[in-house]
Each structure stands twice: as structure tokens, then as C-alpha cells.
Amino acid sequence: MDGEAVMMDVNQGSYFAINEVGAHIWAQLETQQTVGALIESVRTSFSSDKAAQLEPEISQFLRDMADKKLVHEVSG
């Protein structure tokens, strides 16, 4: 929907919307990614030269997704 995504957790019966940047990150997470790679992907895809501002926002988005058990951190 205009670059945004609506996600549904069928196990919990809840849904939420993510904006265009969140939808971009979600698509990138189809494969294992580092936070640095996600920052670079967002920076280049959305023509942002503010990588320092992107890191806390992307990290918070990932924490929110982890809290909802939609993503998990993989070490190694």
C-alpha cells in the first residue's frame, strides 16, 4: 500500500503497519543481514547521507520486531 506494508501475526491475531523504510528493511531480512548492511541499504535506497541518524532508528525497528518475535538475532 503506497510502499507501506501491513503485517499480521496469525498466531497472536494481531497486525500492524510499517512505513516504506520498514517495509524495505523487512524485505532485506529475507536473508541474514548485519545492522551495518541494513543501514547502508536504507541509506542508498532512500538517498540519505545521515547514516548516524539511521543507526538508532533501524536498531529500534529491529528491537520492536524482535519483541514481537518476528525477527531474532543470529550470532556468528
PDB file of N, CA and C in Angstrom:
ATOM      1  N   MET A   1       0.847  -1.174   0.000  1.00  0.00           N
ATOM      2  CA  MET A   1       0.000   0.000   0.000  1.00  0.00           C
ATOM      3  C   MET A   1       0.896   1.242   0.000  1.00  0.00           C
ATOM      4  N   ASP A   2       1.131   1.815  -1.139  1.00  0.00           N
ATOM      5  CA  ASP A   2       1.958   3.009  -1.270  1.00  0.00           C
ATOM      6  C   ASP A   2       3.322   2.856  -0.607  1.00  0.00           C
ATOM      7  N   GLY A   3       3.953   1.693  -0.778  1.00  0.00           N
ATOM      8  CA  GLY A   3       5.263   1.460  -0.216  1.00  0.00           C
ATOM      9  C   GLY A   3       5.246   0.980   1.223  1.00  0.00           C
ATOM     10  N   GLU A   4       4.102   1.046   1.865  1.00  0.00           N
ATOM     11  CA  GLU A   4       3.977   0.573   3.240  1.00  0.00           C
ATOM     12  C   GLU A   4       3.563  -0.895   3.229  1.00  0.00           C
ATOM     13  N   ALA A   5       3.675  -1.530   4.361  1.00  0.00           N
ATOM     14  CA  ALA A   5       3.274  -2.934   4.472  1.00  0.00           C
ATOM     15  C   ALA A   5       2.416  -3.110   5.713  1.00  0.00           C
ATOM     16  N   VAL A   6       1.496  -4.005   5.626  1.00  0.00           N
ATOM     17  CA  VAL A   6       0.699  -4.402   6.770  1.00  0.00           C
ATOM     18  C   VAL A   6       1.090  -5.832   7.079  1.00  0.00           C
ATOM     19  N   MET A   7       1.457  -6.067   8.330  1.00  0.00           N
ATOM     20  CA  MET A   7       1.913  -7.388   8.735  1.00  0.00           C
ATOM     21  C   MET A   7       0.933  -7.961   9.741  1.00  0.00           C
ATOM     22  N   MET A   8       0.745  -9.276   9.656  1.00  0.00           N
ATOM     23  CA  MET A   8      -0.177  -9.926  10.572  1.00  0.00           C
ATOM     24  C   MET A   8       0.510 -11.114  11.222  1.00  0.00           C
ATOM     25  N   ASP A   9       0.353 -11.216  12.514  1.00  0.00           N
ATOM     26  CA  ASP A   9       0.820 -12.381  13.264  1.00  0.00           C
ATOM     27  C   ASP A   9      -0.390 -13.272  13.461  1.00  0.00           C
ATOM     28  N   VAL A  10      -0.481 -14.332  12.669  1.00  0.00           N
ATOM     29  CA  VAL A  10      -1.661 -15.193  12.728  1.00  0.00           C
ATOM     30  C   VAL A  10      -1.747 -15.955  14.041  1.00  0.00           C
ATOM     31  N   ASN A  11      -0.609 -16.197  14.680  1.00  0.00           N
ATOM     32  CA  ASN A  11      -0.630 -16.906  15.962  1.00  0.00           C
ATOM     33  C   ASN A  11      -1.245 -16.061  17.062  1.00  0.00           C
ATOM     34  N   GLN A  12      -0.961 -14.764  17.048  1.00  0.00           N
ATOM     35  CA  GLN A  12      -1.476 -13.875  18.086  1.00  0.00           C
ATOM     36  C   GLN A  12      -2.720 -13.116  17.635  1.00  0.00           C
ATOM     37  N   GLY A  13      -3.028 -13.170  16.336  1.00  0.00           N
ATOM     38  CA  GLY A  13      -4.194 -12.470  15.816  1.00  0.00           C
ATOM     39  C   GLY A  13      -4.033 -10.963  15.828  1.00  0.00           C
ATOM     40  N   SER A  14      -2.802 -10.494  15.703  1.00  0.00           N
ATOM     41  CA  SER A  14      -2.579  -9.049  15.701  1.00  0.00           C
ATOM     42  C   SER A  14      -1.933  -8.629  14.388  1.00  0.00           C
ATOM     43  N   TYR A  15      -2.101  -7.358  14.057  1.00  0.00           N
ATOM     44  CA  TYR A  15      -1.475  -6.829  12.850  1.00  0.00           C
ATOM     45  C   TYR A  15      -0.998  -5.421  13.111  1.00  0.00           C
ATOM     46  N   PHE A  16      -0.084  -4.977  12.272  1.00  0.00           N
ATOM     47  CA  PHE A  16       0.434  -3.623  12.381  1.00  0.00           C
ATOM     48  C   PHE A  16       0.984  -3.197  11.033  1.00  0.00           C
ATOM     49  N   ALA A  17       1.098  -1.912  10.851  1.00  0.00           N
ATOM     50  CA  ALA A  17       1.603  -1.341   9.605  1.00  0.00           C
ATOM     51  C   ALA A  17       3.026  -0.846   9.809  1.00  0.00           C
ATOM     52  N   ILE A  18       3.829  -0.976   8.768  1.00  0.00           N
ATOM     53  CA  ILE A  18       5.166  -0.399   8.783  1.00  0.00           C
ATOM     54  C   ILE A  18       5.308   0.508   7.575  1.00  0.00           C
ATOM     55  N   ASN A  19       6.082   1.561   7.754  1.00  0.00           N
ATOM     56  CA  ASN A  19       6.239   2.532   6.672  1.00  0.00           C
ATOM     57  C   ASN A  19       7.142   1.993   5.569  1.00  0.00           C
ATOM     58  N   GLU A  20       7.402   2.814   4.582  1.00  0.00           N
ATOM     59  CA  GLU A  20       8.173   2.405   3.414  1.00  0.00           C
ATOM     60  C   GLU A  20       9.581   1.936   3.791  1.00  0.00           C
ATOM     61  N   VAL A  21      10.219   2.633   4.712  1.00  0.00           N
ATOM     62  CA  VAL A  21      11.565   2.233   5.139  1.00  0.00           C
ATOM     63  C   VAL A  21      11.500   0.907   5.885  1.00  0.00           C
ATOM     64  N   GLY A  22      10.522   0.760   6.774  1.00  0.00           N
ATOM     65  CA  GLY A  22      10.353  -0.500   7.482  1.00  0.00           C
ATOM     66  C   GLY A  22      10.075  -1.647   6.526  1.00  0.00           C
ATOM     67  N   ALA A  23       9.274  -1.402   5.503  1.00  0.00           N
ATOM     68  CA  ALA A  23       8.984  -2.433   4.504  1.00  0.00           C
ATOM     69  C   ALA A  23      10.254  -2.806   3.743  1.00  0.00           C
ATOM     70  N   HIS A  24      11.085  -1.822   3.469  1.00  0.00           N
ATOM     71  CA  HIS A  24      12.360  -2.083   2.791  1.00  0.00           C
ATOM     72  C   HIS A  24      13.246  -2.963   3.674  1.00  0.00           C
ATOM     73  N   ILE A  25      13.359  -2.610   4.947  1.00  0.00           N
ATOM     74  CA  ILE A  25      14.177  -3.402   5.879  1.00  0.00           C
ATOM     75  C   ILE A  25      13.620  -4.817   5.978  1.00  0.00           C
ATOM     76  N   TRP A  26      12.316  -4.940   6.110  1.00  0.00           N
ATOM     77  CA  TRP A  26      11.682  -6.252   6.222  1.00  0.00           C
ATOM     78  C   TRP A  26      12.036  -7.111   5.008  1.00  0.00           C
ATOM     79  N   ALA A  27      11.997  -6.530   3.815  1.00  0.00           N
ATOM     80  CA  ALA A  27      12.347  -7.269   2.603  1.00  0.00           C
ATOM     81  C   ALA A  27      13.807  -7.705   2.625  1.00  0.00           C
ATOM     82  N   GLN A  28      14.678  -6.859   3.156  1.00  0.00           N
ATOM     83  CA  GLN A  28      16.097  -7.201   3.245  1.00  0.00           C
ATOM     84  C   GLN A  28      16.334  -8.364   4.194  1.00  0.00           C
ATOM     85  N   LEU A  29      15.459  -8.536   5.162  1.00  0.00           N
ATOM     86  CA  LEU A  29      15.627  -9.568   6.170  1.00  0.00           C
ATOM     87  C   LEU A  29      15.233 -10.960   5.689  1.00  0.00           C
ATOM     88  N   GLU A  30      14.913 -11.080   4.408  1.00  0.00           N
ATOM     89  CA  GLU A  30      14.673 -12.409   3.851  1.00  0.00           C
ATOM     90  C   GLU A  30      15.950 -13.234   3.910  1.00  0.00           C
ATOM     91  N   THR A  31      17.084 -12.542   3.940  1.00  0.00           N
ATOM     92  CA  THR A  31      18.377 -13.188   4.132  1.00  0.00           C
ATOM     93  C   THR A  31      19.038 -12.550   5.350  1.00  0.00           C
ATOM     94  N   GLN A  32      19.965 -13.258   5.939  1.00  0.00           N
ATOM     95  CA  GLN A  32      20.660 -12.761   7.125  1.00  0.00           C
ATOM     96  C   GLN A  32      21.395 -11.463   6.783  1.00  0.00           C
ATOM     97  N   GLN A  33      21.224 -10.437   7.618  1.00  0.00           N
ATOM     98  CA  GLN A  33      21.816  -9.122   7.391  1.00  0.00           C
ATOM     99  C   GLN A  33      22.456  -8.614   8.668  1.00  0.00           C
ATOM    100  N   THR A  34      23.482  -7.809   8.517  1.00  0.00           N
ATOM    101  CA  THR A  34      24.023  -7.087   9.666  1.00  0.00           C
ATOM    102  C   THR A  34      23.307  -5.751   9.758  1.00  0.00           C
ATOM    103  N   VAL A  35      23.357  -5.147  10.920  1.00  0.00           N
ATOM    104  CA  VAL A  35      22.773  -3.810  11.070  1.00  0.00           C
ATOM    105  C   VAL A  35      23.477  -2.850  10.122  1.00  0.00           C
ATOM    106  N   GLY A  36      24.788  -2.968  10.004  1.00  0.00           N
ATOM    107  CA  GLY A  36      25.542  -2.100   9.093  1.00  0.00           C
ATOM    108  C   GLY A  36      25.083  -2.230   7.656  1.00  0.00           C
ATOM    109  N   ALA A  37      24.813  -3.459   7.217  1.00  0.00           N
ATOM    110  CA  ALA A  37      24.332  -3.672   5.849  1.00  0.00           C
ATOM    111  C   ALA A  37      22.940  -3.073   5.666  1.00  0.00           C
ATOM    112  N   LEU A  38      22.100  -3.188   6.688  1.00  0.00           N
ATOM    113  CA  LEU A  38      20.762  -2.593   6.602  1.00  0.00           C
ATOM    114  C   LEU A  38      20.843  -1.076   6.531  1.00  0.00           C
ATOM    115  N   ILE A  39      21.722  -0.491   7.330  1.00  0.00           N
ATOM    116  CA  ILE A  39      21.903   0.967   7.297  1.00  0.00           C
ATOM    117  C   ILE A  39      22.335   1.401   5.905  1.00  0.00           C
ATOM    118  N   GLU A  40      23.302   0.703   5.352  1.00  0.00           N
ATOM    119  CA  GLU A  40      23.797   1.062   4.015  1.00  0.00           C
ATOM    120  C   GLU A  40      22.708   0.898   2.965  1.00  0.00           C
ATOM    121  N   SER A  41      21.931  -0.166   3.068  1.00  0.00           N
ATOM    122  CA  SER A  41      20.850  -0.393   2.120  1.00  0.00           C
ATOM    123  C   SER A  41      19.809   0.724   2.182  1.00  0.00           C
ATOM    124  N   VAL A  42      19.427   1.108   3.395  1.00  0.00           N
ATOM    125  CA  VAL A  42      18.457   2.200   3.557  1.00  0.00           C
ATOM    126  C   VAL A  42      19.065   3.510   3.070  1.00  0.00           C
ATOM    127  N   ARG A  43      20.317   3.755   3.425  1.00  0.00           N
ATOM    128  CA  ARG A  43      20.990   4.996   3.040  1.00  0.00           C
ATOM    129  C   ARG A  43      21.012   5.152   1.516  1.00  0.00           C
ATOM    130  N   THR A  44      21.371   4.092   0.814  1.00  0.00           N
ATOM    131  CA  THR A  44      21.454   4.200  -0.647  1.00  0.00           C
ATOM    132  C   THR A  44      20.076   4.160  -1.302  1.00  0.00           C
ATOM    133  N   SER A  45      19.183   3.349  -0.796  1.00  0.00           N
ATOM    134  CA  SER A  45      17.850   3.232  -1.407  1.00  0.00           C
ATOM    135  C   SER A  45      17.006   4.486  -1.229  1.00  0.00           C
ATOM    136  N   PHE A  46      17.247   5.211  -0.142  1.00  0.00           N
ATOM    137  CA  PHE A  46      16.440   6.392   0.139  1.00  0.00           C
ATOM    138  C   PHE A  46      17.264   7.676   0.067  1.00  0.00           C
ATOM    139  N   SER A  47      18.438   7.594  -0.549  1.00  0.00           N
ATOM    140  CA  SER A  47      19.310   8.753  -0.774  1.00  0.00           C
ATOM    141  C   SER A  47      19.519   9.577   0.487  1.00  0.00           C
ATOM    142  N   SER A  48      19.869   8.905   1.562  1.00  0.00           N
ATOM    143  CA  SER A  48      20.116   9.594   2.823  1.00  0.00           C
ATOM    144  C   SER A  48      21.603   9.603   3.105  1.00  0.00           C
ATOM    145  N   ASP A  49      22.112  10.763   3.480  1.00  0.00           N
ATOM    146  CA  ASP A  49      23.525  10.849   3.856  1.00  0.00           C
ATOM    147  C   ASP A  49      23.673  10.913   5.373  1.00  0.00           C
ATOM    148  N   LYS A  50      22.636  10.554   6.086  1.00  0.00           N
ATOM    149  CA  LYS A  50      22.621  10.663   7.545  1.00  0.00           C
ATOM    150  C   LYS A  50      22.688   9.286   8.201  1.00  0.00           C
ATOM    151  N   ALA A  51      23.752   8.530   7.906  1.00  0.00           N
ATOM    152  CA  ALA A  51      23.896   7.184   8.446  1.00  0.00           C
ATOM    153  C   ALA A  51      23.886   7.187   9.964  1.00  0.00           C
ATOM    154  N   ALA A  52      24.442   8.228  10.584  1.00  0.00           N
ATOM    155  CA  ALA A  52      24.478   8.290  12.048  1.00  0.00           C
ATOM    156  C   ALA A  52      23.067   8.364  12.631  1.00  0.00           C
ATOM    157  N   GLN A  53      22.147   9.001  11.922  1.00  0.00           N
ATOM    158  CA  GLN A  53      20.762   9.078  12.396  1.00  0.00           C
ATOM    159  C   GLN A  53      20.001   7.793  12.097  1.00  0.00           C
ATOM    160  N   LEU A  54      20.415   7.081  11.058  1.00  0.00           N
ATOM    161  CA  LEU A  54      19.719   5.857  10.681  1.00  0.00           C
ATOM    162  C   LEU A  54      19.951   4.729  11.674  1.00  0.00           C
ATOM    163  N   GLU A  55      21.151   4.641  12.223  1.00  0.00           N
ATOM    164  CA  GLU A  55      21.503   3.503  13.090  1.00  0.00           C
ATOM    165  C   GLU A  55      20.556   3.360  14.273  1.00  0.00           C
ATOM    166  N   PRO A  56      20.294   4.426  15.053  1.00  0.00           N
ATOM    167  CA  PRO A  56      19.384   4.221  16.193  1.00  0.00           C
ATOM    168  C   PRO A  56      17.952   3.900  15.755  1.00  0.00           C
ATOM    169  N   GLU A  57      17.514   4.463  14.645  1.00  0.00           N
ATOM    170  CA  GLU A  57      16.154   4.201  14.182  1.00  0.00           C
ATOM    171  C   GLU A  57      16.013   2.765  13.685  1.00  0.00           C
ATOM    172  N   ILE A  58      17.001   2.297  12.930  1.00  0.00           N
ATOM    173  CA  ILE A  58      16.962   0.919  12.435  1.00  0.00           C
ATOM    174  C   ILE A  58      17.105  -0.058  13.588  1.00  0.00           C
ATOM    175  N   SER A  59      17.985   0.236  14.521  1.00  0.00           N
ATOM    176  CA  SER A  59      18.147  -0.636  15.691  1.00  0.00           C
ATOM    177  C   SER A  59      16.853  -0.721  16.489  1.00  0.00           C
ATOM    178  N   GLN A  60      16.156   0.392  16.652  1.00  0.00           N
ATOM    179  CA  GLN A  60      14.879   0.382  17.379  1.00  0.00           C
ATOM    180  C   GLN A  60      13.830  -0.428  16.625  1.00  0.00           C
ATOM    181  N   PHE A  61      13.777  -0.280  15.310  1.00  0.00           N
ATOM    182  CA  PHE A  61      12.852  -1.051  14.497  1.00  0.00           C
ATOM    183  C   PHE A  61      13.112  -2.547  14.688  1.00  0.00           C
ATOM    184  N   LEU A  62      14.390  -2.943  14.666  1.00  0.00           N
ATOM    185  CA  LEU A  62      14.737  -4.353  14.846  1.00  0.00           C
ATOM    186  C   LEU A  62      14.377  -4.845  16.245  1.00  0.00           C
ATOM    187  N   ARG A  63      14.585  -4.007  17.257  1.00  0.00           N
ATOM    188  CA  ARG A  63      14.194  -4.383  18.623  1.00  0.00           C
ATOM    189  C   ARG A  63      12.682  -4.577  18.707  1.00  0.00           C
ATOM    190  N   ASP A  64      11.939  -3.668  18.083  1.00  0.00           N
ATOM    191  CA  ASP A  64      10.476  -3.786  18.079  1.00  0.00           C
ATOM    192  C   ASP A  64      10.041  -5.086  17.401  1.00  0.00           C
ATOM    193  N   MET A  65      10.676  -5.419  16.283  1.00  0.00           N
ATOM    194  CA  MET A  65      10.344  -6.653  15.571  1.00  0.00           C
ATOM    195  C   MET A  65      10.729  -7.875  16.418  1.00  0.00           C
ATOM    196  N   ALA A  66      11.859  -7.788  17.115  1.00  0.00           N
ATOM    197  CA  ALA A  66      12.286  -8.895  17.979  1.00  0.00           C
ATOM    198  C   ALA A  66      11.323  -9.060  19.158  1.00  0.00           C
ATOM    199  N   ASP A  67      10.860  -7.940  19.729  1.00  0.00           N
ATOM    200  CA  ASP A  67       9.896  -8.007  20.828  1.00  0.00           C
ATOM    201  C   ASP A  67       8.609  -8.716  20.410  1.00  0.00           C
ATOM    202  N   LYS A  68       8.258  -8.556  19.137  1.00  0.00           N
ATOM    203  CA  LYS A  68       7.053  -9.201  18.600  1.00  0.00           C
ATOM    204  C   LYS A  68       7.358 -10.595  18.078  1.00  0.00           C
ATOM    205  N   LYS A  69       8.618 -11.020  18.261  1.00  0.00           N
ATOM    206  CA  LYS A  69       9.078 -12.346  17.835  1.00  0.00           C
ATOM    207  C   LYS A  69       8.968 -12.536  16.333  1.00  0.00           C
ATOM    208  N   LEU A  70       9.170 -11.442  15.582  1.00  0.00           N
ATOM    209  CA  LEU A  70       9.139 -11.520  14.131  1.00  0.00           C
ATOM    210  C   LEU A  70      10.528 -11.687  13.527  1.00  0.00           C
ATOM    211  N   VAL A  71      11.539 -11.290  14.282  1.00  0.00           N
ATOM    212  CA  VAL A  71      12.929 -11.483  13.879  1.00  0.00           C
ATOM    213  C   VAL A  71      13.707 -11.919  15.110  1.00  0.00           C
ATOM    214  N   HIS A  72      14.872 -12.470  14.892  1.00  0.00           N
ATOM    215  CA  HIS A  72      15.756 -12.799  16.000  1.00  0.00           C
ATOM    216  C   HIS A  72      17.207 -12.604  15.558  1.00  0.00           C
ATOM    217  N   GLU A  73      18.036 -12.315  16.516  1.00  0.00           N
ATOM    218  CA  GLU A  73      19.442 -12.088  16.256  1.00  0.00           C
ATOM    219  C   GLU A  73      20.147 -13.431  16.105  1.00  0.00           C
ATOM    220  N   VAL A  74      21.001 -13.478  15.096  1.00  0.00           N
ATOM    221  CA  VAL A  74      21.796 -14.670  14.836  1.00  0.00           C
ATOM    222  C   VAL A  74      23.250 -14.294  15.052  1.00  0.00           C
ATOM    223  N   SER A  75      23.944 -15.019  15.869  1.00  0.00           N
ATOM    224  CA  SER A  75      25.359 -14.714  16.089  1.00  0.00           C
ATOM    225  C   SER A  75      26.207 -15.584  15.175  1.00  0.00           C
ATOM    226  N   GLY A  76      27.373 -15.059  14.875  1.00  0.00           N
ATOM    227  CA  GLY A  76      28.304 -15.861  14.114  1.00  0.00           C
ATOM    228  C   GLY A  76      28.494 -15.366  12.775  1.00  0.00           C
TER     229      GLY A  76
END
